[in-house]
Amino acid sequence: MLATSSAPGVSDACRRGPVARYVWDLTDRSRSRWVVPFGASGRPGDPHFDDQLPRWAAGELIPVPDTDLIGEGDPS
């Protein structure tokens, strides 16, 4: 279901849900994954504002960006 509150058998409506999903591999960071309900940007109109929504809805995860890329522009 990927939600924390619903009424199974009564409705498919969900009232609350997580704001992010993370799976950390502490022995191999390259295997770590994450996803947020919309995207990595909080600015409407930005290409990354809602680019993760289809993956979030499907229950999919994406690789965590490499720390070498953080702070050096767009990691995609």
Foldseek 3Di string as FASTA:
>chain_A
DQADDDDPPPDPDGDGHDQKDWDADPVDLQPIWMAGQAFDDCDPPPPRRRPRNVCVVVVHTDRDADPVCPPVPDSD
